[in-house]
């Protein structure tokens, strides 16, 4: 299990993308929240408000998730990173697995 961390320009795009990943059963229980971001872009330091989603995914599905994000994202270079989940409660992990099983 992993968490994909993705940033967005606006909340609407975050919702559109997380719905796409959930419809494909690539993600379980995305969380979306507002953040402040400071980054370097085209030689300038930019300070923006953004939204981030934490998409709980199977590690093997990261590339598929990244493709969904890239197809629908506004940024030329979206932040899409994956973090391994070292541990979790058995009940939650069982629910997560059931939420991401795709029909054959």
N, C-alpha and C. Protein backbone atom coordinates (compact mmCIF):
# COMPACT_ATOMS: atom_id res chain seq x y z
N UNK A 1 0.84 -1.18 0.00
CA UNK A 1 0.00 0.00 0.00
C UNK A 1 0.88 1.24 0.00
N UNK A 2 0.43 2.27 -0.69
CA UNK A 2 1.16 3.53 -0.77
C UNK A 2 0.19 4.69 -0.67
N UNK A 3 0.74 5.87 -0.51
CA UNK A 3 -0.02 7.11 -0.59
C UNK A 3 0.59 7.92 -1.72
N UNK A 4 -0.25 8.31 -2.68
CA UNK A 4 0.19 9.22 -3.74
C UNK A 4 -0.16 10.63 -3.30
N UNK A 5 0.82 11.50 -3.30
CA UNK A 5 0.67 12.90 -2.92
C UNK A 5 0.64 13.70 -4.21
N UNK A 6 -0.46 14.42 -4.45
CA UNK A 6 -0.62 15.18 -5.69
C UNK A 6 -1.11 16.58 -5.35
N UNK A 7 -0.48 17.61 -5.95
CA UNK A 7 -0.93 18.98 -5.74
C UNK A 7 -1.70 19.48 -6.96
N UNK A 8 -2.61 20.46 -6.71
CA UNK A 8 -3.50 20.98 -7.73
C UNK A 8 -3.63 22.49 -7.61
N UNK A 9 -3.95 23.12 -8.73
CA UNK A 9 -4.20 24.57 -8.76
C UNK A 9 -5.50 24.91 -8.04
N UNK A 10 -6.51 24.04 -8.19
CA UNK A 10 -7.81 24.34 -7.58
C UNK A 10 -8.47 23.06 -7.06
N UNK A 11 -9.45 23.27 -6.20
CA UNK A 11 -10.12 22.14 -5.57
C UNK A 11 -10.95 21.33 -6.56
N UNK A 12 -11.52 22.00 -7.56
CA UNK A 12 -12.33 21.30 -8.55
C UNK A 12 -11.53 20.26 -9.31
N UNK A 13 -10.31 20.61 -9.71
CA UNK A 13 -9.46 19.66 -10.42
C UNK A 13 -9.13 18.48 -9.51
N UNK A 14 -8.86 18.76 -8.25
CA UNK A 14 -8.57 17.67 -7.29
C UNK A 14 -9.74 16.70 -7.22
N UNK A 15 -10.96 17.24 -7.14
CA UNK A 15 -12.14 16.38 -7.07
C UNK A 15 -12.33 15.58 -8.36
N UNK A 16 -12.14 16.22 -9.50
CA UNK A 16 -12.28 15.52 -10.78
C UNK A 16 -11.31 14.35 -10.88
N UNK A 17 -10.07 14.59 -10.50
CA UNK A 17 -9.05 13.55 -10.62
C UNK A 17 -9.28 12.44 -9.60
N UNK A 18 -9.61 12.80 -8.36
CA UNK A 18 -9.81 11.71 -7.40
C UNK A 18 -11.02 10.88 -7.78
N UNK A 19 -12.06 11.50 -8.35
CA UNK A 19 -13.21 10.69 -8.81
C UNK A 19 -12.79 9.72 -9.91
N UNK A 20 -11.95 10.18 -10.82
CA UNK A 20 -11.47 9.30 -11.90
C UNK A 20 -10.69 8.12 -11.35
N UNK A 21 -9.85 8.37 -10.35
CA UNK A 21 -9.07 7.25 -9.77
C UNK A 21 -9.99 6.31 -9.00
N UNK A 22 -11.00 6.84 -8.34
CA UNK A 22 -11.92 5.97 -7.59
C UNK A 22 -12.81 5.16 -8.54
N UNK A 23 -13.28 5.77 -9.63
CA UNK A 23 -14.11 5.04 -10.59
C UNK A 23 -13.36 3.86 -11.17
N UNK A 24 -12.05 4.00 -11.33
CA UNK A 24 -11.21 2.91 -11.85
C UNK A 24 -10.73 1.98 -10.74
N UNK A 25 -11.14 2.26 -9.51
CA UNK A 25 -10.74 1.49 -8.32
C UNK A 25 -9.22 1.50 -8.15
N UNK A 26 -8.61 2.62 -8.50
CA UNK A 26 -7.17 2.81 -8.32
C UNK A 26 -6.87 3.47 -6.97
N UNK A 27 -7.87 4.06 -6.34
CA UNK A 27 -7.65 4.76 -5.08
C UNK A 27 -8.79 4.46 -4.12
N UNK A 28 -8.46 4.48 -2.84
CA UNK A 28 -9.45 4.34 -1.78
C UNK A 28 -9.34 5.56 -0.87
N UNK A 29 -10.44 6.21 -0.61
CA UNK A 29 -10.50 7.28 0.38
C UNK A 29 -9.48 8.40 0.18
N UNK A 30 -9.55 9.13 -0.93
CA UNK A 30 -8.67 10.29 -1.06
C UNK A 30 -9.02 11.38 -0.05
N UNK A 31 -8.02 12.07 0.42
CA UNK A 31 -8.22 13.23 1.27
C UNK A 31 -7.75 14.45 0.50
N UNK A 32 -8.51 15.55 0.60
CA UNK A 32 -8.15 16.79 -0.09
C UNK A 32 -8.14 17.91 0.94
N UNK A 33 -7.08 18.73 0.89
CA UNK A 33 -7.03 19.87 1.79
C UNK A 33 -6.21 20.99 1.17
N UNK A 34 -6.44 22.21 1.66
CA UNK A 34 -5.74 23.40 1.16
C UNK A 34 -4.35 23.46 1.78
N UNK A 35 -3.39 23.93 0.98
CA UNK A 35 -2.01 24.10 1.46
C UNK A 35 -1.44 25.39 0.87
N UNK A 36 -0.34 25.82 1.43
CA UNK A 36 0.45 26.89 0.83
C UNK A 36 1.70 26.26 0.24
N UNK A 37 2.08 26.64 -0.95
CA UNK A 37 3.25 26.08 -1.61
C UNK A 37 4.21 27.18 -2.03
N UNK A 38 5.48 26.95 -1.81
CA UNK A 38 6.54 27.84 -2.28
C UNK A 38 7.46 26.98 -3.14
N UNK A 39 7.67 27.40 -4.38
CA UNK A 39 8.48 26.60 -5.29
C UNK A 39 9.12 27.51 -6.34
N UNK A 40 10.12 26.97 -7.01
CA UNK A 40 10.80 27.69 -8.07
C UNK A 40 10.21 27.24 -9.40
N UNK A 41 9.79 28.21 -10.22
CA UNK A 41 9.24 27.89 -11.54
C UNK A 41 9.71 28.93 -12.54
N UNK A 42 10.36 28.45 -13.59
CA UNK A 42 10.87 29.30 -14.67
C UNK A 42 11.71 30.46 -14.12
N UNK A 43 12.57 30.15 -13.14
CA UNK A 43 13.51 31.12 -12.60
C UNK A 43 12.99 31.99 -11.49
N UNK A 44 11.70 31.92 -11.19
CA UNK A 44 11.11 32.74 -10.14
C UNK A 44 10.71 31.87 -8.95
N UNK A 45 10.73 32.47 -7.77
CA UNK A 45 10.19 31.81 -6.59
C UNK A 45 8.72 32.20 -6.49
N UNK A 46 7.86 31.20 -6.46
CA UNK A 46 6.42 31.39 -6.47
C UNK A 46 5.84 30.97 -5.13
N UNK A 47 4.92 31.75 -4.62
CA UNK A 47 4.24 31.45 -3.36
C UNK A 47 2.74 31.42 -3.68
N UNK A 48 2.15 30.22 -3.69
CA UNK A 48 0.76 30.06 -4.10
C UNK A 48 -0.03 29.25 -3.10
N UNK A 49 -1.33 29.44 -3.14
CA UNK A 49 -2.26 28.53 -2.47
C UNK A 49 -2.57 27.41 -3.45
N UNK A 50 -2.60 26.20 -2.95
CA UNK A 50 -2.91 25.04 -3.78
C UNK A 50 -3.78 24.09 -2.96
N UNK A 51 -4.14 23.00 -3.59
CA UNK A 51 -4.82 21.90 -2.91
C UNK A 51 -3.97 20.66 -3.10
N UNK A 52 -4.04 19.77 -2.13
CA UNK A 52 -3.31 18.51 -2.21
C UNK A 52 -4.28 17.38 -1.97
N UNK A 53 -4.03 16.25 -2.63
CA UNK A 53 -4.79 15.05 -2.30
C UNK A 53 -3.81 13.97 -1.88
N UNK A 54 -4.24 13.21 -0.91
CA UNK A 54 -3.53 12.01 -0.50
C UNK A 54 -4.39 10.85 -0.98
N UNK A 55 -3.91 10.17 -2.01
CA UNK A 55 -4.65 9.06 -2.60
C UNK A 55 -4.06 7.76 -2.08
N UNK A 56 -4.86 6.98 -1.35
CA UNK A 56 -4.38 5.68 -0.87
C UNK A 56 -4.49 4.71 -2.03
N UNK A 57 -3.37 4.13 -2.43
CA UNK A 57 -3.31 3.29 -3.63
C UNK A 57 -2.51 2.02 -3.35
N UNK A 58 -2.67 1.04 -4.22
CA UNK A 58 -1.76 -0.10 -4.22
C UNK A 58 -0.48 0.35 -4.91
N UNK A 59 0.64 -0.03 -4.36
CA UNK A 59 1.93 0.40 -4.92
C UNK A 59 2.04 0.06 -6.40
N UNK A 60 1.55 -1.09 -6.78
CA UNK A 60 1.65 -1.53 -8.18
C UNK A 60 0.84 -0.65 -9.13
N UNK A 61 -0.10 0.13 -8.60
CA UNK A 61 -0.95 0.97 -9.43
C UNK A 61 -0.44 2.40 -9.60
N UNK A 62 0.73 2.70 -9.06
CA UNK A 62 1.21 4.09 -9.09
C UNK A 62 1.29 4.65 -10.51
N UNK A 63 1.85 3.91 -11.44
CA UNK A 63 1.98 4.43 -12.82
C UNK A 63 0.62 4.69 -13.44
N UNK A 64 -0.35 3.83 -13.18
CA UNK A 64 -1.71 4.05 -13.70
C UNK A 64 -2.32 5.31 -13.09
N UNK A 65 -2.13 5.50 -11.79
CA UNK A 65 -2.62 6.70 -11.12
C UNK A 65 -1.95 7.93 -11.70
N UNK A 66 -0.64 7.88 -11.88
CA UNK A 66 0.10 9.01 -12.44
C UNK A 66 -0.41 9.37 -13.83
N UNK A 67 -0.75 8.38 -14.64
CA UNK A 67 -1.27 8.65 -15.98
C UNK A 67 -2.64 9.34 -15.92
N UNK A 68 -3.51 8.89 -15.02
CA UNK A 68 -4.81 9.54 -14.85
C UNK A 68 -4.60 11.00 -14.46
N UNK A 69 -3.70 11.24 -13.52
CA UNK A 69 -3.43 12.61 -13.08
C UNK A 69 -2.91 13.45 -14.23
N UNK A 70 -1.92 12.97 -14.96
CA UNK A 70 -1.32 13.74 -16.05
C UNK A 70 -2.34 14.07 -17.14
N UNK A 71 -3.25 13.15 -17.43
CA UNK A 71 -4.24 13.38 -18.49
C UNK A 71 -5.21 14.50 -18.14
N UNK A 72 -5.47 14.72 -16.85
CA UNK A 72 -6.51 15.66 -16.45
C UNK A 72 -5.97 16.89 -15.71
N UNK A 73 -4.68 16.96 -15.50
CA UNK A 73 -4.08 18.01 -14.67
C UNK A 73 -3.80 19.26 -15.48
N UNK A 74 -3.87 20.43 -14.81
CA UNK A 74 -3.61 21.71 -15.46
C UNK A 74 -2.13 22.04 -15.56
N UNK A 75 -1.32 21.53 -14.64
CA UNK A 75 0.10 21.88 -14.61
C UNK A 75 0.89 21.15 -15.68
N UNK A 76 1.92 21.82 -16.21
CA UNK A 76 2.85 21.18 -17.13
C UNK A 76 3.62 20.07 -16.43
N UNK A 77 3.99 20.31 -15.18
CA UNK A 77 4.76 19.35 -14.39
C UNK A 77 4.07 19.18 -13.03
N UNK A 78 3.03 18.34 -12.98
CA UNK A 78 2.34 18.17 -11.70
C UNK A 78 3.19 17.40 -10.69
N UNK A 79 3.01 17.73 -9.43
CA UNK A 79 3.66 17.00 -8.35
C UNK A 79 2.88 15.71 -8.14
N UNK A 80 3.50 14.59 -8.44
CA UNK A 80 2.90 13.27 -8.23
C UNK A 80 4.00 12.41 -7.61
N UNK A 81 3.91 12.14 -6.33
CA UNK A 81 4.92 11.32 -5.67
C UNK A 81 4.23 10.22 -4.86
N UNK A 82 4.97 9.15 -4.61
CA UNK A 82 4.43 8.00 -3.90
C UNK A 82 5.24 7.75 -2.65
N UNK A 83 4.53 7.49 -1.54
CA UNK A 83 5.15 7.13 -0.28
C UNK A 83 4.64 5.76 0.13
N UNK A 84 5.55 4.86 0.50
CA UNK A 84 5.14 3.56 0.99
C UNK A 84 4.52 3.68 2.37
N UNK A 85 3.49 2.88 2.61
CA UNK A 85 2.87 2.80 3.93
C UNK A 85 3.54 1.64 4.66
N UNK A 86 4.24 1.93 5.73
CA UNK A 86 4.97 0.91 6.47
C UNK A 86 4.04 0.03 7.30
N UNK A 87 3.03 0.63 7.90
CA UNK A 87 2.11 -0.11 8.75
C UNK A 87 0.75 0.57 8.74
N UNK A 88 -0.25 -0.15 9.23
CA UNK A 88 -1.59 0.40 9.38
C UNK A 88 -2.44 -0.58 10.16
N UNK A 89 -3.57 -0.11 10.63
CA UNK A 89 -4.45 -1.01 11.39
C UNK A 89 -4.98 -2.08 10.43
N UNK A 90 -5.11 -3.30 10.94
CA UNK A 90 -5.58 -4.41 10.11
C UNK A 90 -6.95 -4.14 9.52
N UNK A 91 -7.85 -3.56 10.32
CA UNK A 91 -9.20 -3.27 9.83
C UNK A 91 -9.16 -2.30 8.66
N UNK A 92 -8.36 -1.23 8.80
CA UNK A 92 -8.27 -0.24 7.73
C UNK A 92 -7.64 -0.85 6.48
N UNK A 93 -6.56 -1.59 6.64
CA UNK A 93 -5.89 -2.16 5.48
C UNK A 93 -6.79 -3.16 4.76
N UNK A 94 -7.59 -3.92 5.51
CA UNK A 94 -8.53 -4.86 4.89
C UNK A 94 -9.59 -4.09 4.10
N UNK A 95 -10.10 -3.01 4.68
CA UNK A 95 -11.08 -2.19 3.98
C UNK A 95 -10.46 -1.60 2.71
N UNK A 96 -9.24 -1.11 2.83
CA UNK A 96 -8.55 -0.52 1.69
C UNK A 96 -8.41 -1.52 0.55
N UNK A 97 -7.95 -2.73 0.85
CA UNK A 97 -7.79 -3.76 -0.18
C UNK A 97 -9.13 -4.03 -0.86
N UNK A 98 -10.19 -4.18 -0.07
CA UNK A 98 -11.52 -4.44 -0.64
C UNK A 98 -11.97 -3.29 -1.53
N UNK A 99 -11.59 -2.07 -1.21
CA UNK A 99 -11.99 -0.89 -1.97
C UNK A 99 -11.26 -0.75 -3.30
N UNK A 100 -10.14 -1.43 -3.46
CA UNK A 100 -9.35 -1.29 -4.68
C UNK A 100 -9.35 -2.55 -5.55
N UNK A 101 -10.11 -3.58 -5.16
CA UNK A 101 -10.19 -4.79 -5.98
C UNK A 101 -11.01 -4.46 -7.21
N UNK A 102 -10.43 -4.78 -8.37
CA UNK A 102 -11.13 -4.53 -9.64
C UNK A 102 -11.68 -5.84 -10.19
N UNK A 103 -12.85 -5.78 -10.80
CA UNK A 103 -13.41 -7.00 -11.38
C UNK A 103 -12.50 -7.53 -12.49
N UNK A 104 -12.48 -8.84 -12.65
CA UNK A 104 -11.60 -9.42 -13.70
C UNK A 104 -12.04 -9.05 -15.10
